[in-house]
Amino acid sequence: HKALEQIYIAVHGRFDVVLEDGRDSRRVTLDRPDQGLYIGHMVWRRLESFSPGAVCLVLASAPYDEADYYRDKDAFLRDARQP
């Protein structure tokens, strides 16, 4: 996302969030409903490794806006690496 901020919560079960900022990447496992993961703007995220029946709750800082989304990872990386 270009401007949107989000909080991810594993309401039930577990899943991994892979985060990339154009320079570094890391994997975070969410498996507790009393903890959330804040993800700021300009972070590529990928959700994977869902346990059976897992539920992911996402809180967003703004309503859906198609113009705020990156659909192409190469375009994201180009913009993220700009000074």
PDB file of N, CA and C in Angstrom:
ATOM      1  N   HIS A   1       0.837  -1.189   0.000  1.00  0.00           N
ATOM      2  CA  HIS A   1       0.000   0.000   0.000  1.00  0.00           C
ATOM      3  C   HIS A   1       0.877   1.246   0.000  1.00  0.00           C
ATOM      4  N   LYS A   2       0.424   2.226  -0.691  1.00  0.00           N
ATOM      5  CA  LYS A   2       1.185   3.471  -0.764  1.00  0.00           C
ATOM      6  C   LYS A   2       1.010   4.313   0.496  1.00  0.00           C
ATOM      7  N   ALA A   3      -0.186   4.325   1.073  1.00  0.00           N
ATOM      8  CA  ALA A   3      -0.444   5.159   2.249  1.00  0.00           C
ATOM      9  C   ALA A   3      -1.142   4.409   3.387  1.00  0.00           C
ATOM     10  N   LEU A   4      -1.874   3.362   3.072  1.00  0.00           N
ATOM     11  CA  LEU A   4      -2.667   2.646   4.070  1.00  0.00           C
ATOM     12  C   LEU A   4      -1.795   1.989   5.135  1.00  0.00           C
ATOM     13  N   GLU A   5      -2.277   2.015   6.365  1.00  0.00           N
ATOM     14  CA  GLU A   5      -1.652   1.307   7.484  1.00  0.00           C
ATOM     15  C   GLU A   5      -2.640   0.247   7.955  1.00  0.00           C
ATOM     16  N   GLN A   6      -2.121  -0.880   8.454  1.00  0.00           N
ATOM     17  CA  GLN A   6      -2.997  -1.969   8.868  1.00  0.00           C
ATOM     18  C   GLN A   6      -2.486  -2.613  10.145  1.00  0.00           C
ATOM     19  N   ILE A   7      -3.410  -3.279  10.839  1.00  0.00           N
ATOM     20  CA  ILE A   7      -3.072  -4.146  11.964  1.00  0.00           C
ATOM     21  C   ILE A   7      -3.675  -5.512  11.663  1.00  0.00           C
ATOM     22  N   TYR A   8      -2.843  -6.546  11.727  1.00  0.00           N
ATOM     23  CA  TYR A   8      -3.269  -7.923  11.490  1.00  0.00           C
ATOM     24  C   TYR A   8      -3.354  -8.645  12.831  1.00  0.00           C
ATOM     25  N   ILE A   9      -4.423  -9.407  13.012  1.00  0.00           N
ATOM     26  CA  ILE A   9      -4.630 -10.169  14.248  1.00  0.00           C
ATOM     27  C   ILE A   9      -5.078 -11.584  13.874  1.00  0.00           C
ATOM     28  N   ALA A  10      -4.454 -12.586  14.488  1.00  0.00           N
ATOM     29  CA  ALA A  10      -4.895 -13.967  14.322  1.00  0.00           C
ATOM     30  C   ALA A  10      -5.988 -14.213  15.359  1.00  0.00           C
ATOM     31  N   VAL A  11      -7.227 -14.049  14.947  1.00  0.00           N
ATOM     32  CA  VAL A  11      -8.361 -14.224  15.853  1.00  0.00           C
ATOM     33  C   VAL A  11      -8.482 -15.685  16.275  1.00  0.00           C
ATOM     34  N   HIS A  12      -8.147 -16.581  15.344  1.00  0.00           N
ATOM     35  CA  HIS A  12      -8.188 -18.022  15.613  1.00  0.00           C
ATOM     36  C   HIS A  12      -7.107 -18.688  14.772  1.00  0.00           C
ATOM     37  N   GLY A  13      -6.402 -19.632  15.338  1.00  0.00           N
ATOM     38  CA  GLY A  13      -5.379 -20.357  14.598  1.00  0.00           C
ATOM     39  C   GLY A  13      -4.099 -19.552  14.453  1.00  0.00           C
ATOM     40  N   ARG A  14      -3.353 -19.888  13.400  1.00  0.00           N
ATOM     41  CA  ARG A  14      -2.076 -19.212  13.184  1.00  0.00           C
ATOM     42  C   ARG A  14      -1.819 -19.035  11.697  1.00  0.00           C
ATOM     43  N   PHE A  15      -0.980 -18.060  11.383  1.00  0.00           N
ATOM     44  CA  PHE A  15      -0.525 -17.832  10.024  1.00  0.00           C
ATOM     45  C   PHE A  15       0.736 -16.982  10.081  1.00  0.00           C
ATOM     46  N   ASP A  16       1.451 -16.961   8.982  1.00  0.00           N
ATOM     47  CA  ASP A  16       2.669 -16.172   8.876  1.00  0.00           C
ATOM     48  C   ASP A  16       2.435 -14.968   7.985  1.00  0.00           C
ATOM     49  N   VAL A  17       3.105 -13.872   8.322  1.00  0.00           N
ATOM     50  CA  VAL A  17       3.109 -12.675   7.493  1.00  0.00           C
ATOM     51  C   VAL A  17       4.558 -12.430   7.087  1.00  0.00           C
ATOM     52  N   VAL A  18       4.797 -12.422   5.776  1.00  0.00           N
ATOM     53  CA  VAL A  18       6.131 -12.135   5.254  1.00  0.00           C
ATOM     54  C   VAL A  18       6.132 -10.674   4.825  1.00  0.00           C
ATOM     55  N   LEU A  19       7.066  -9.903   5.381  1.00  0.00           N
ATOM     56  CA  LEU A  19       7.134  -8.458   5.156  1.00  0.00           C
ATOM     57  C   LEU A  19       8.401  -8.105   4.381  1.00  0.00           C
ATOM     58  N   GLU A  20       8.279  -7.225   3.399  1.00  0.00           N
ATOM     59  CA  GLU A  20       9.422  -6.738   2.648  1.00  0.00           C
ATOM     60  C   GLU A  20       9.278  -5.236   2.461  1.00  0.00           C
ATOM     61  N   ASP A  21      10.373  -4.512   2.709  1.00  0.00           N
ATOM     62  CA  ASP A  21      10.336  -3.060   2.532  1.00  0.00           C
ATOM     63  C   ASP A  21      11.167  -2.590   1.343  1.00  0.00           C
ATOM     64  N   GLY A  22      11.618  -3.509   0.517  1.00  0.00           N
ATOM     65  CA  GLY A  22      12.451  -3.161  -0.624  1.00  0.00           C
ATOM     66  C   GLY A  22      13.925  -3.366  -0.356  1.00  0.00           C
ATOM     67  N   ARG A  23      14.286  -3.523   0.904  1.00  0.00           N
ATOM     68  CA  ARG A  23      15.674  -3.762   1.294  1.00  0.00           C
ATOM     69  C   ARG A  23      15.798  -5.030   2.140  1.00  0.00           C
ATOM     70  N   ASP A  24      14.943  -5.170   3.131  1.00  0.00           N
ATOM     71  CA  ASP A  24      14.983  -6.298   4.056  1.00  0.00           C
ATOM     72  C   ASP A  24      13.648  -7.031   4.044  1.00  0.00           C
ATOM     73  N   SER A  25      13.685  -8.277   4.503  1.00  0.00           N
ATOM     74  CA  SER A  25      12.444  -9.030   4.656  1.00  0.00           C
ATOM     75  C   SER A  25      12.493  -9.793   5.975  1.00  0.00           C
ATOM     76  N   ARG A  26      11.306 -10.089   6.485  1.00  0.00           N
ATOM     77  CA  ARG A  26      11.206 -10.889   7.703  1.00  0.00           C
ATOM     78  C   ARG A  26       9.863 -11.581   7.741  1.00  0.00           C
ATOM     79  N   ARG A  27       9.811 -12.653   8.488  1.00  0.00           N
ATOM     80  CA  ARG A  27       8.597 -13.446   8.651  1.00  0.00           C
ATOM     81  C   ARG A  27       8.142 -13.322  10.100  1.00  0.00           C
ATOM     82  N   VAL A  28       6.852 -13.074  10.283  1.00  0.00           N
ATOM     83  CA  VAL A  28       6.264 -12.967  11.615  1.00  0.00           C
ATOM     84  C   VAL A  28       5.124 -13.972  11.694  1.00  0.00           C
ATOM     85  N   THR A  29       5.119 -14.775  12.736  1.00  0.00           N
ATOM     86  CA  THR A  29       4.026 -15.721  12.970  1.00  0.00           C
ATOM     87  C   THR A  29       3.037 -15.088  13.935  1.00  0.00           C
ATOM     88  N   LEU A  30       1.781 -15.072  13.530  1.00  0.00           N
ATOM     89  CA  LEU A  30       0.713 -14.576  14.400  1.00  0.00           C
ATOM     90  C   LEU A  30      -0.104 -15.776  14.857  1.00  0.00           C
ATOM     91  N   ASP A  31      -0.253 -15.908  16.167  1.00  0.00           N
ATOM     92  CA  ASP A  31      -0.991 -17.051  16.709  1.00  0.00           C
ATOM     93  C   ASP A  31      -1.672 -16.744  18.042  1.00  0.00           C
ATOM     94  N   ARG A  32      -1.791 -15.462  18.369  1.00  0.00           N
ATOM     95  CA  ARG A  32      -2.429 -15.075  19.630  1.00  0.00           C
ATOM     96  C   ARG A  32      -3.453 -13.967  19.366  1.00  0.00           C
ATOM     97  N   PRO A  33      -4.706 -14.163  19.771  1.00  0.00           N
ATOM     98  CA  PRO A  33      -5.723 -13.152  19.500  1.00  0.00           C
ATOM     99  C   PRO A  33      -5.565 -11.881  20.325  1.00  0.00           C
ATOM    100  N   ASP A  34      -4.678 -11.896  21.329  1.00  0.00           N
ATOM    101  CA  ASP A  34      -4.476 -10.700  22.141  1.00  0.00           C
ATOM    102  C   ASP A  34      -3.281  -9.875  21.663  1.00  0.00           C
ATOM    103  N   GLN A  35      -2.713 -10.237  20.515  1.00  0.00           N
ATOM    104  CA  GLN A  35      -1.592  -9.478  19.955  1.00  0.00           C
ATOM    105  C   GLN A  35      -1.841  -9.212  18.480  1.00  0.00           C
ATOM    106  N   GLY A  36      -1.409  -8.049  18.018  1.00  0.00           N
ATOM    107  CA  GLY A  36      -1.558  -7.698  16.614  1.00  0.00           C
ATOM    108  C   GLY A  36      -0.229  -7.267  16.030  1.00  0.00           C
ATOM    109  N   LEU A  37      -0.173  -7.234  14.718  1.00  0.00           N
ATOM    110  CA  LEU A  37       1.018  -6.803  13.999  1.00  0.00           C
ATOM    111  C   LEU A  37       0.691  -5.544  13.226  1.00  0.00           C
ATOM    112  N   TYR A  38       1.345  -4.445  13.567  1.00  0.00           N
ATOM    113  CA  TYR A  38       1.168  -3.182  12.840  1.00  0.00           C
ATOM    114  C   TYR A  38       2.031  -3.223  11.589  1.00  0.00           C
ATOM    115  N   ILE A  39       1.434  -2.861  10.449  1.00  0.00           N
ATOM    116  CA  ILE A  39       2.162  -2.782   9.188  1.00  0.00           C
ATOM    117  C   ILE A  39       1.917  -1.405   8.600  1.00  0.00           C
ATOM    118  N   GLY A  40       2.978  -0.627   8.496  1.00  0.00           N
ATOM    119  CA  GLY A  40       2.875   0.715   7.933  1.00  0.00           C
ATOM    120  C   GLY A  40       2.785   0.695   6.415  1.00  0.00           C
ATOM    121  N   HIS A  41       2.739   1.881   5.840  1.00  0.00           N
ATOM    122  CA  HIS A  41       2.662   1.980   4.382  1.00  0.00           C
ATOM    123  C   HIS A  41       4.004   1.589   3.749  1.00  0.00           C
ATOM    124  N   MET A  42       3.964   1.289   2.479  1.00  0.00           N
ATOM    125  CA  MET A  42       5.137   0.897   1.687  1.00  0.00           C
ATOM    126  C   MET A  42       5.843  -0.337   2.241  1.00  0.00           C
ATOM    127  N   VAL A  43       5.048  -1.316   2.656  1.00  0.00           N
ATOM    128  CA  VAL A  43       5.572  -2.617   3.073  1.00  0.00           C
ATOM    129  C   VAL A  43       4.797  -3.672   2.285  1.00  0.00           C
ATOM    130  N   TRP A  44       5.517  -4.462   1.491  1.00  0.00           N
ATOM    131  CA  TRP A  44       4.893  -5.563   0.760  1.00  0.00           C
ATOM    132  C   TRP A  44       4.640  -6.686   1.750  1.00  0.00           C
ATOM    133  N   ARG A  45       3.446  -7.236   1.749  1.00  0.00           N
ATOM    134  CA  ARG A  45       3.120  -8.291   2.693  1.00  0.00           C
ATOM    135  C   ARG A  45       2.537  -9.479   1.961  1.00  0.00           C
ATOM    136  N   ARG A  46       2.825 -10.655   2.488  1.00  0.00           N
ATOM    137  CA  ARG A  46       2.298 -11.897   1.936  1.00  0.00           C
ATOM    138  C   ARG A  46       1.861 -12.765   3.111  1.00  0.00           C
ATOM    139  N   LEU A  47       0.635 -13.250   3.073  1.00  0.00           N
ATOM    140  CA  LEU A  47       0.115 -14.114   4.131  1.00  0.00           C
ATOM    141  C   LEU A  47       0.230 -15.554   3.664  1.00  0.00           C
ATOM    142  N   GLU A  48       0.739 -16.423   4.543  1.00  0.00           N
ATOM    143  CA  GLU A  48       0.899 -17.826   4.173  1.00  0.00           C
ATOM    144  C   GLU A  48       0.904 -18.714   5.405  1.00  0.00           C
ATOM    145  N   SER A  49       0.938 -20.002   5.164  1.00  0.00           N
ATOM    146  CA  SER A  49       1.019 -21.029   6.215  1.00  0.00           C
ATOM    147  C   SER A  49      -0.143 -20.952   7.201  1.00  0.00           C
ATOM    148  N   PHE A  50      -1.350 -20.787   6.696  1.00  0.00           N
ATOM    149  CA  PHE A  50      -2.533 -20.744   7.559  1.00  0.00           C
ATOM    150  C   PHE A  50      -2.806 -22.122   8.145  1.00  0.00           C
ATOM    151  N   SER A  51      -3.064 -22.180   9.443  1.00  0.00           N
ATOM    152  CA  SER A  51      -3.506 -23.422  10.058  1.00  0.00           C
ATOM    153  C   SER A  51      -4.973 -23.646   9.679  1.00  0.00           C
ATOM    154  N   PRO A  52      -5.455 -24.902   9.765  1.00  0.00           N
ATOM    155  CA  PRO A  52      -6.864 -25.156   9.443  1.00  0.00           C
ATOM    156  C   PRO A  52      -7.791 -24.304  10.324  1.00  0.00           C
ATOM    157  N   GLY A  53      -8.737 -23.649   9.700  1.00  0.00           N
ATOM    158  CA  GLY A  53      -9.706 -22.842  10.429  1.00  0.00           C
ATOM    159  C   GLY A  53      -9.188 -21.490  10.906  1.00  0.00           C
ATOM    160  N   ALA A  54      -7.991 -21.097  10.464  1.00  0.00           N
ATOM    161  CA  ALA A  54      -7.435 -19.807  10.905  1.00  0.00           C
ATOM    162  C   ALA A  54      -8.305 -18.655  10.423  1.00  0.00           C
ATOM    163  N   VAL A  55      -8.370 -17.612  11.267  1.00  0.00           N
ATOM    164  CA  VAL A  55      -9.128 -16.407  10.934  1.00  0.00           C
ATOM    165  C   VAL A  55      -8.205 -15.211  11.131  1.00  0.00           C
ATOM    166  N   CYS A  56      -8.076 -14.401  10.085  1.00  0.00           N
ATOM    167  CA  CYS A  56      -7.247 -13.193  10.128  1.00  0.00           C
ATOM    168  C   CYS A  56      -8.155 -11.968  10.127  1.00  0.00           C
ATOM    169  N   LEU A  57      -8.006 -11.133  11.140  1.00  0.00           N
ATOM    170  CA  LEU A  57      -8.732  -9.864  11.223  1.00  0.00           C
ATOM    171  C   LEU A  57      -7.762  -8.766  10.814  1.00  0.00           C
ATOM    172  N   VAL A  58      -8.197  -7.895   9.896  1.00  0.00           N
ATOM    173  CA  VAL A  58      -7.359  -6.780   9.449  1.00  0.00           C
ATOM    174  C   VAL A  58      -8.086  -5.476   9.745  1.00  0.00           C
ATOM    175  N   LEU A  59      -7.423  -4.606  10.498  1.00  0.00           N
ATOM    176  CA  LEU A  59      -7.939  -3.266  10.774  1.00  0.00           C
ATOM    177  C   LEU A  59      -7.172  -2.302   9.875  1.00  0.00           C
ATOM    178  N   ALA A  60      -7.888  -1.474   9.142  1.00  0.00           N
ATOM    179  CA  ALA A  60      -7.260  -0.577   8.175  1.00  0.00           C
ATOM    180  C   ALA A  60      -7.464   0.876   8.569  1.00  0.00           C
ATOM    181  N   SER A  61      -6.502   1.710   8.193  1.00  0.00           N
ATOM    182  CA  SER A  61      -6.543   3.128   8.547  1.00  0.00           C
ATOM    183  C   SER A  61      -7.462   3.950   7.647  1.00  0.00           C
ATOM    184  N   ALA A  62      -7.950   3.353   6.556  1.00  0.00           N
ATOM    185  CA  ALA A  62      -8.806   4.085   5.618  1.00  0.00           C
ATOM    186  C   ALA A  62      -9.652   3.085   4.842  1.00  0.00           C
ATOM    187  N   PRO A  63     -10.747   3.545   4.250  1.00  0.00           N
ATOM    188  CA  PRO A  63     -11.552   2.663   3.398  1.00  0.00           C
ATOM    189  C   PRO A  63     -10.759   2.204   2.169  1.00  0.00           C
ATOM    190  N   TYR A  64     -11.231   1.149   1.526  1.00  0.00           N
ATOM    191  CA  TYR A  64     -10.593   0.598   0.330  1.00  0.00           C
ATOM    192  C   TYR A  64     -10.463   1.662  -0.748  1.00  0.00           C
ATOM    193  N   ASP A  65      -9.281   1.736  -1.350  1.00  0.00           N
ATOM    194  CA  ASP A  65      -9.016   2.648  -2.464  1.00  0.00           C
ATOM    195  C   ASP A  65      -8.069   1.931  -3.422  1.00  0.00           C
ATOM    196  N   GLU A  66      -8.587   1.506  -4.554  1.00  0.00           N
ATOM    197  CA  GLU A  66      -7.789   0.747  -5.526  1.00  0.00           C
ATOM    198  C   GLU A  66      -6.501   1.475  -5.899  1.00  0.00           C
ATOM    199  N   ALA A  67      -6.517   2.791  -5.942  1.00  0.00           N
ATOM    200  CA  ALA A  67      -5.330   3.561  -6.329  1.00  0.00           C
ATOM    201  C   ALA A  67      -4.199   3.441  -5.308  1.00  0.00           C
ATOM    202  N   ASP A  68      -4.496   3.000  -4.094  1.00  0.00           N
ATOM    203  CA  ASP A  68      -3.480   2.880  -3.045  1.00  0.00           C
ATOM    204  C   ASP A  68      -2.734   1.548  -3.109  1.00  0.00           C
ATOM    205  N   TYR A  69      -3.196   0.614  -3.920  1.00  0.00           N
ATOM    206  CA  TYR A  69      -2.632  -0.733  -3.958  1.00  0.00           C
ATOM    207  C   TYR A  69      -1.536  -0.872  -5.004  1.00  0.00           C
ATOM    208  N   TYR A  70      -0.506  -1.613  -4.651  1.00  0.00           N
ATOM    209  CA  TYR A  70       0.463  -2.103  -5.623  1.00  0.00           C
ATOM    210  C   TYR A  70       0.019  -3.510  -5.997  1.00  0.00           C
ATOM    211  N   ARG A  71      -0.132  -3.781  -7.274  1.00  0.00           N
ATOM    212  CA  ARG A  71      -0.471  -5.126  -7.749  1.00  0.00           C
ATOM    213  C   ARG A  71       0.757  -5.799  -8.360  1.00  0.00           C
ATOM    214  N   ASP A  72       1.778  -5.015  -8.657  1.00  0.00           N
ATOM    215  CA  ASP A  72       2.992  -5.512  -9.292  1.00  0.00           C
ATOM    216  C   ASP A  72       4.177  -5.313  -8.347  1.00  0.00           C
ATOM    217  N   LYS A  73       4.813  -6.408  -7.961  1.00  0.00           N
ATOM    218  CA  LYS A  73       5.898  -6.318  -6.982  1.00  0.00           C
ATOM    219  C   LYS A  73       7.088  -5.529  -7.521  1.00  0.00           C
ATOM    220  N   ASP A  74       7.387  -5.656  -8.803  1.00  0.00           N
ATOM    221  CA  ASP A  74       8.513  -4.898  -9.373  1.00  0.00           C
ATOM    222  C   ASP A  74       8.269  -3.390  -9.273  1.00  0.00           C
ATOM    223  N   ALA A  75       7.032  -2.958  -9.505  1.00  0.00           N
ATOM    224  CA  ALA A  75       6.705  -1.532  -9.364  1.00  0.00           C
ATOM    225  C   ALA A  75       6.857  -1.098  -7.914  1.00  0.00           C
ATOM    226  N   PHE A  76       6.419  -1.947  -6.976  1.00  0.00           N
ATOM    227  CA  PHE A  76       6.587  -1.639  -5.554  1.00  0.00           C
ATOM    228  C   PHE A  76       8.068  -1.496  -5.217  1.00  0.00           C
ATOM    229  N   LEU A  77       8.879  -2.475  -5.644  1.00  0.00           N
ATOM    230  CA  LEU A  77      10.310  -2.431  -5.314  1.00  0.00           C
ATOM    231  C   LEU A  77      10.976  -1.199  -5.898  1.00  0.00           C
ATOM    232  N   ARG A  78      10.613  -0.820  -7.112  1.00  0.00           N
ATOM    233  CA  ARG A  78      11.165   0.390  -7.738  1.00  0.00           C
ATOM    234  C   ARG A  78      10.858   1.624  -6.894  1.00  0.00           C
ATOM    235  N   ASP A  79       9.611   1.756  -6.459  1.00  0.00           N
ATOM    236  CA  ASP A  79       9.217   2.920  -5.658  1.00  0.00           C
ATOM    237  C   ASP A  79       9.794   2.865  -4.252  1.00  0.00           C
ATOM    238  N   ALA A  80       9.842   1.663  -3.657  1.00  0.00           N
ATOM    239  CA  ALA A  80      10.342   1.522  -2.284  1.00  0.00           C
ATOM    240  C   ALA A  80      11.822   1.825  -2.187  1.00  0.00           C
ATOM    241  N   ARG A  81      12.548   1.598  -3.232  1.00  0.00           N
ATOM    242  CA  ARG A  81      14.012   1.802  -3.210  1.00  0.00           C
ATOM    243  C   ARG A  81      14.430   3.201  -3.584  1.00  0.00           C
ATOM    244  N   GLN A  82      13.470   4.040  -3.945  1.00  0.00           N
ATOM    245  CA  GLN A  82      13.806   5.428  -4.259  1.00  0.00           C
ATOM    246  C   GLN A  82      14.158   6.175  -2.981  1.00  0.00           C
ATOM    247  N   PRO A  83      15.148   7.073  -3.055  1.00  0.00           N
ATOM    248  CA  PRO A  83      15.543   7.836  -1.836  1.00  0.00           C
ATOM    249  C   PRO A  83      14.467   8.803  -1.383  1.00  0.00           C
TER     250      PRO A  83
END
